[in-house]
Amino acid sequence: MAERSSTARAKKKTATRKKPTAKKPTTTNKPPTRRRGPAYPTAPGAPRRRVPNPALPEILEALQREYPDAHCELNHRNAFELLIATILSAQCTDVRVNMVTETLFEKYPGPEHFVAAPIEEIEEDIRSTGTFRNKARNIKKACRAIVEEHGGEVPRDMEALKALGGVGRKTANVVMGNIWNEPDGVVVDTHVTRLSRKLALTNKEDAVQIERELNRLIPREHWVMFPHWLIFHGRRVCKARNPRCDECVLYAYCPTRA
């Protein structure tokens, strides 16, 4: 009798146990996210944004025609002066750097003069370029390596340049391209970054990735001049805050024109 009642209780317990309900899949009205290019305003009638811009040949031709005298705007007479000026140009305008180097290169005409000078004196001489302590250390380190490892001459080699203090890929490329016309790629500064994205030549934001894409797109014979064309255009016409689109030779090819 006891066995029968316990069996009945077990059956009743099993019958009243709720079956687990399957979880309903959560639904959302949000569309899947897709990575897009920079959200620039686009004027009516502007060409559709496609990356890379299919009008690149026309863009290069227009820039070359508009800026036949484009050049490096850092004043220099040799590889050493350009190297020092480029180090100083970090987070500083070319105009300010040229004001500083006008007297700096008279006081320090060669790397051995920077090596011999107290670092506090160098810091004071370049103070107005900003981040002067870090720049003074880099200049001192680079000049010491030039004197001790390269006989006082700026090395004509990309890897050797990058091994100098405070010299990254961009600085080395500036020297290699503008002094010896032997660039290892396109120089990417703030103007080149901004205009390359604005003209739909790339969607990348990192300078290394932008350079990699531009090296693939831009013919090698234009690697030196292409950055100068964009820098001239960015400073004179396609300014960051108030672009003069009505005067722009690239208006017909720009998907982000105002």
Protein backbone atom coordinates (compact mmCIF):
# COMPACT_ATOMS: atom_id res chain seq x y z
CA MET A 1 0.00 0.00 0.00
CA ALA A 2 2.82 2.37 0.90
CA GLU A 3 4.63 1.45 -2.32
CA ARG A 4 1.46 2.20 -4.38
CA SER A 5 0.97 5.65 -2.75
CA SER A 6 4.59 6.67 -3.30
CA THR A 7 4.30 5.69 -6.99
CA ALA A 8 1.13 7.78 -7.31
CA ARG A 9 2.85 10.79 -5.75
CA ALA A 10 5.76 10.42 -8.16
CA LYS A 11 3.39 10.32 -11.18
CA LYS A 12 1.51 13.39 -9.91
CA LYS A 13 4.78 15.28 -9.41
CA THR A 14 5.91 14.41 -12.92
CA ALA A 15 2.57 15.49 -14.41
CA THR A 16 2.60 18.88 -12.69
CA ARG A 17 6.22 19.63 -13.60
CA LYS A 18 6.32 22.39 -16.23
CA LYS A 19 8.04 21.69 -19.47
CA PRO A 20 10.91 24.08 -20.16
CA THR A 21 9.88 26.69 -22.71
CA ALA A 22 12.24 27.44 -25.56
CA LYS A 23 13.66 30.94 -25.47
CA LYS A 24 12.38 33.11 -28.26
CA PRO A 25 15.11 34.63 -30.34
CA THR A 26 15.52 38.31 -29.57
CA THR A 27 14.67 40.48 -32.50
CA THR A 28 15.92 43.98 -33.17
CA ASN A 29 14.94 46.58 -35.68
CA LYS A 30 18.50 47.87 -35.99
CA PRO A 31 20.06 47.19 -39.40
CA PRO A 32 23.43 45.44 -39.49
CA THR A 33 26.28 47.89 -39.10
CA ARG A 34 28.58 48.34 -42.06
CA ARG A 35 31.84 50.26 -42.12
CA ARG A 36 31.49 53.35 -44.24
CA GLY A 37 33.80 56.12 -45.34
CA PRO A 38 34.12 59.47 -43.58
CA ALA A 39 30.82 61.30 -43.21
CA TYR A 40 31.64 64.38 -45.27
CA PRO A 41 28.78 66.60 -46.45
CA THR A 42 28.10 66.20 -50.15
CA ALA A 43 26.66 68.88 -52.40
CA PRO A 44 23.89 68.05 -54.90
CA GLY A 45 25.37 66.84 -58.17
CA ALA A 46 28.66 65.72 -56.63
CA PRO A 47 30.03 62.43 -57.98
CA ARG A 48 29.13 59.35 -55.98
CA ARG A 49 31.75 58.40 -53.41
CA ARG A 50 33.69 55.36 -54.56
CA VAL A 51 36.99 54.26 -53.05
CA PRO A 52 39.42 54.51 -54.66
CA ASN A 53 38.18 57.45 -56.71
CA PRO A 54 38.04 56.36 -60.39
CA ALA A 55 38.97 59.93 -61.38
CA LEU A 56 42.47 59.61 -59.87
CA PRO A 57 44.26 60.12 -63.25
CA GLU A 58 42.32 63.35 -63.78
CA ILE A 59 43.06 64.44 -60.20
CA LEU A 60 46.80 63.93 -60.68
CA GLU A 61 46.78 65.78 -63.99
CA ALA A 62 44.84 68.72 -62.53
CA LEU A 63 47.14 69.01 -59.50
CA GLN A 64 50.28 68.83 -61.63
CA ARG A 65 48.94 71.52 -63.95
CA GLU A 66 47.81 73.77 -61.08
CA TYR A 67 50.99 73.51 -58.97
CA PRO A 68 53.96 73.11 -61.34
CA ASP A 69 56.26 74.81 -58.81
CA ALA A 70 55.17 72.79 -55.75
CA HIS A 71 58.08 71.99 -53.47
CA CYS A 72 59.07 71.27 -49.89
CA GLU A 73 58.35 74.47 -47.96
CA LEU A 74 60.88 73.76 -45.23
CA ASN A 75 63.89 75.93 -46.04
CA HIS A 76 67.08 73.90 -46.40
CA ARG A 77 70.33 73.79 -48.35
CA ASN A 78 71.33 70.17 -47.80
CA ALA A 79 70.25 66.83 -46.35
CA PHE A 80 71.35 67.72 -42.83
CA GLU A 81 69.32 70.94 -42.70
CA LEU A 82 66.24 69.21 -44.11
CA LEU A 83 66.57 66.42 -41.54
CA ILE A 84 66.70 68.89 -38.64
CA ALA A 85 63.89 71.03 -40.06
CA THR A 86 61.65 68.00 -40.51
CA ILE A 87 62.25 66.89 -36.91
CA LEU A 88 61.31 70.40 -35.77
CA SER A 89 58.17 70.44 -37.95
CA ALA A 90 56.36 67.87 -35.78
CA GLN A 91 53.25 69.62 -34.38
CA CYS A 92 54.57 72.92 -35.73
CA THR A 93 53.98 74.98 -38.86
CA ASP A 94 56.57 75.22 -41.63
CA VAL A 95 56.47 79.02 -41.27
CA ARG A 96 57.51 78.82 -37.61
CA VAL A 97 60.21 76.21 -38.34
CA ASN A 98 61.68 78.43 -41.08
CA MET A 99 61.79 81.36 -38.66
CA VAL A 100 63.72 79.23 -36.16
CA THR A 101 66.12 77.57 -38.60
CA GLU A 102 67.09 80.90 -40.16
CA THR A 103 69.36 81.55 -37.18
CA LEU A 104 69.65 77.96 -35.92
CA PHE A 105 71.66 76.78 -38.94
CA GLU A 106 74.03 79.71 -38.60
CA LYS A 107 74.75 78.71 -35.01
CA TYR A 108 74.82 74.94 -35.72
CA PRO A 109 76.02 74.49 -39.33
CA GLY A 110 76.77 70.79 -38.89
CA PRO A 111 75.92 67.79 -36.70
CA GLU A 112 79.14 68.13 -34.70
CA HIS A 113 77.99 71.54 -33.47
CA PHE A 114 74.77 70.10 -32.05
CA VAL A 115 76.77 67.31 -30.39
CA ALA A 116 79.09 69.81 -28.70
CA ALA A 117 76.30 72.11 -27.46
CA PRO A 118 74.62 71.66 -24.05
CA ILE A 119 71.14 70.23 -24.53
CA GLU A 120 69.65 73.07 -22.44
CA GLU A 121 71.01 75.55 -24.98
CA ILE A 122 69.50 73.63 -27.88
CA GLU A 123 66.16 73.49 -26.05
CA GLU A 124 66.17 77.27 -25.65
CA ASP A 125 67.06 77.80 -29.33
CA ILE A 126 64.12 75.69 -30.56
CA ARG A 127 61.63 76.43 -27.78
CA SER A 128 59.11 78.19 -30.03
CA THR A 129 58.58 75.06 -32.17
CA GLY A 130 56.85 73.25 -29.29
CA THR A 131 57.73 69.98 -27.52
CA PHE A 132 61.25 71.42 -27.52
CA ARG A 133 62.74 69.09 -24.90
CA ASN A 134 61.84 65.97 -26.84
CA LYS A 135 62.99 67.52 -30.11
CA ALA A 136 66.29 68.62 -28.59
CA ARG A 137 66.95 65.07 -27.33
CA ASN A 138 66.15 63.62 -30.75
CA ILE A 139 68.34 66.13 -32.58
CA LYS A 140 71.22 65.51 -30.19
CA LYS A 141 70.86 61.74 -30.55
CA ALA A 142 70.59 61.87 -34.36
CA CYS A 143 73.60 64.16 -34.70
CA ARG A 144 75.71 61.96 -32.45
CA ALA A 145 74.89 58.92 -34.60
CA ILE A 146 75.67 60.87 -37.80
CA VAL A 147 79.06 61.90 -36.43
CA GLU A 148 80.04 58.59 -34.83
CA GLU A 149 78.53 56.10 -37.29
CA HIS A 150 78.34 57.93 -40.64
CA GLY A 151 81.39 60.17 -40.74
CA GLY A 152 79.40 63.35 -40.25
CA GLU A 153 77.22 62.79 -43.32
CA VAL A 154 73.49 62.10 -43.36
CA PRO A 155 73.16 58.48 -44.56
CA ARG A 156 71.63 57.95 -48.00
CA ASP A 157 69.72 54.89 -46.87
CA MET A 158 66.16 54.52 -45.61
CA GLU A 159 66.92 52.03 -42.84
CA ALA A 160 69.99 53.93 -41.65
CA LEU A 161 67.96 57.14 -41.48
CA LYS A 162 65.22 55.46 -39.47
CA ALA A 163 67.84 54.24 -37.00
CA LEU A 164 68.76 57.84 -36.12
CA GLY A 165 67.15 59.37 -33.06
CA GLY A 166 63.75 60.94 -33.62
CA VAL A 167 63.61 59.91 -37.26
CA GLY A 168 60.57 57.92 -38.26
CA ARG A 169 59.45 56.68 -41.64
CA LYS A 170 57.88 59.99 -42.67
CA THR A 171 60.98 62.06 -41.83
CA ALA A 172 63.26 59.58 -43.58
CA ASN A 173 61.02 59.63 -46.66
CA VAL A 174 61.07 63.43 -46.73
CA VAL A 175 64.87 63.41 -46.85
CA MET A 176 65.21 60.48 -49.27
CA GLY A 177 62.66 61.94 -51.69
CA ASN A 178 63.50 65.64 -51.63
CA ILE A 179 67.28 65.34 -51.50
CA TRP A 180 68.02 62.26 -53.60
CA ASN A 181 64.70 61.59 -55.35
CA GLU A 182 64.73 58.08 -53.91
CA PRO A 183 61.51 57.85 -51.88
CA ASP A 184 60.41 54.62 -50.30
CA GLY A 185 56.77 55.71 -50.45
CA VAL A 186 54.39 58.65 -50.34
CA VAL A 187 54.93 61.07 -47.44
CA VAL A 188 51.72 61.23 -45.39
CA ASP A 189 51.21 64.30 -43.22
CA THR A 190 48.01 65.93 -41.94
CA HIS A 191 47.18 67.57 -45.30
CA VAL A 192 47.78 64.36 -47.24
CA THR A 193 45.67 62.41 -44.74
CA ARG A 194 42.78 64.88 -44.87
CA LEU A 195 42.68 65.39 -48.64
CA SER A 196 43.24 61.72 -49.51
CA ARG A 197 40.17 60.84 -47.46
CA LYS A 198 38.18 63.82 -48.73
CA LEU A 199 38.93 62.89 -52.36
CA ALA A 200 37.96 59.26 -51.67
CA LEU A 201 41.40 57.88 -52.37
CA THR A 202 41.21 55.98 -49.07
CA ASN A 203 38.95 55.40 -46.08
CA LYS A 204 41.83 54.63 -43.73
CA GLU A 205 42.70 56.86 -40.77
CA ASP A 206 46.11 55.48 -39.78
CA ALA A 207 49.05 57.14 -41.60
CA VAL A 208 50.82 53.82 -42.21
CA GLN A 209 47.73 52.29 -43.80
CA ILE A 210 47.09 55.42 -45.85
CA GLU A 211 50.67 55.35 -47.15
CA ARG A 212 50.30 51.68 -48.06
CA GLU A 213 47.18 52.39 -50.11
CA LEU A 214 48.62 55.52 -51.76
CA ASN A 215 51.80 53.65 -52.69
CA ARG A 216 49.61 51.20 -54.56
CA LEU A 217 47.49 53.89 -56.25
CA ILE A 218 49.96 56.67 -57.07
CA PRO A 219 52.48 56.00 -59.88
CA ARG A 220 55.98 55.78 -58.45
CA GLU A 221 57.20 58.73 -60.52
CA HIS A 222 54.76 60.94 -58.56
CA TRP A 223 55.64 59.70 -55.06
CA VAL A 224 57.76 62.79 -54.31
CA MET A 225 55.49 65.41 -55.86
CA PHE A 226 52.05 64.06 -54.94
CA PRO A 227 52.36 65.08 -51.25
CA HIS A 228 53.59 68.54 -52.29
CA TRP A 229 50.62 68.98 -54.64
CA LEU A 230 48.17 68.04 -51.88
CA ILE A 231 49.93 70.21 -49.29
CA PHE A 232 49.91 73.23 -51.63
CA HIS A 233 46.24 72.59 -52.45
CA GLY A 234 45.30 72.08 -48.79
CA ARG A 235 47.00 75.29 -47.66
CA ARG A 236 45.78 77.49 -50.48
CA VAL A 237 42.35 76.20 -51.55
CA CYS A 238 41.00 73.11 -49.76
CA LYS A 239 41.39 74.43 -46.23
CA ALA A 240 40.06 72.38 -43.35
CA ARG A 241 37.65 74.99 -41.98
CA ASN A 242 36.71 77.10 -44.99
CA PRO A 243 37.37 75.24 -48.24
CA ARG A 244 37.18 77.44 -51.33
CA CYS A 245 35.29 74.94 -53.45
CA ASP A 246 34.31 77.55 -56.04
CA GLU A 247 38.03 77.98 -56.89
CA CYS A 248 38.99 74.29 -56.75
CA VAL A 249 40.45 72.60 -59.84
CA LEU A 250 39.29 69.26 -58.39
CA TYR A 251 35.63 70.33 -58.02
CA ALA A 252 34.37 68.00 -60.76
CA TYR A 253 36.07 64.96 -59.20
CA CYS A 254 35.42 65.62 -55.49
CA PRO A 255 32.61 63.58 -53.91
CA THR A 256 32.69 65.73 -50.76
CA ARG A 257 32.60 69.18 -52.28
CA ALA A 258 30.54 71.79 -50.46
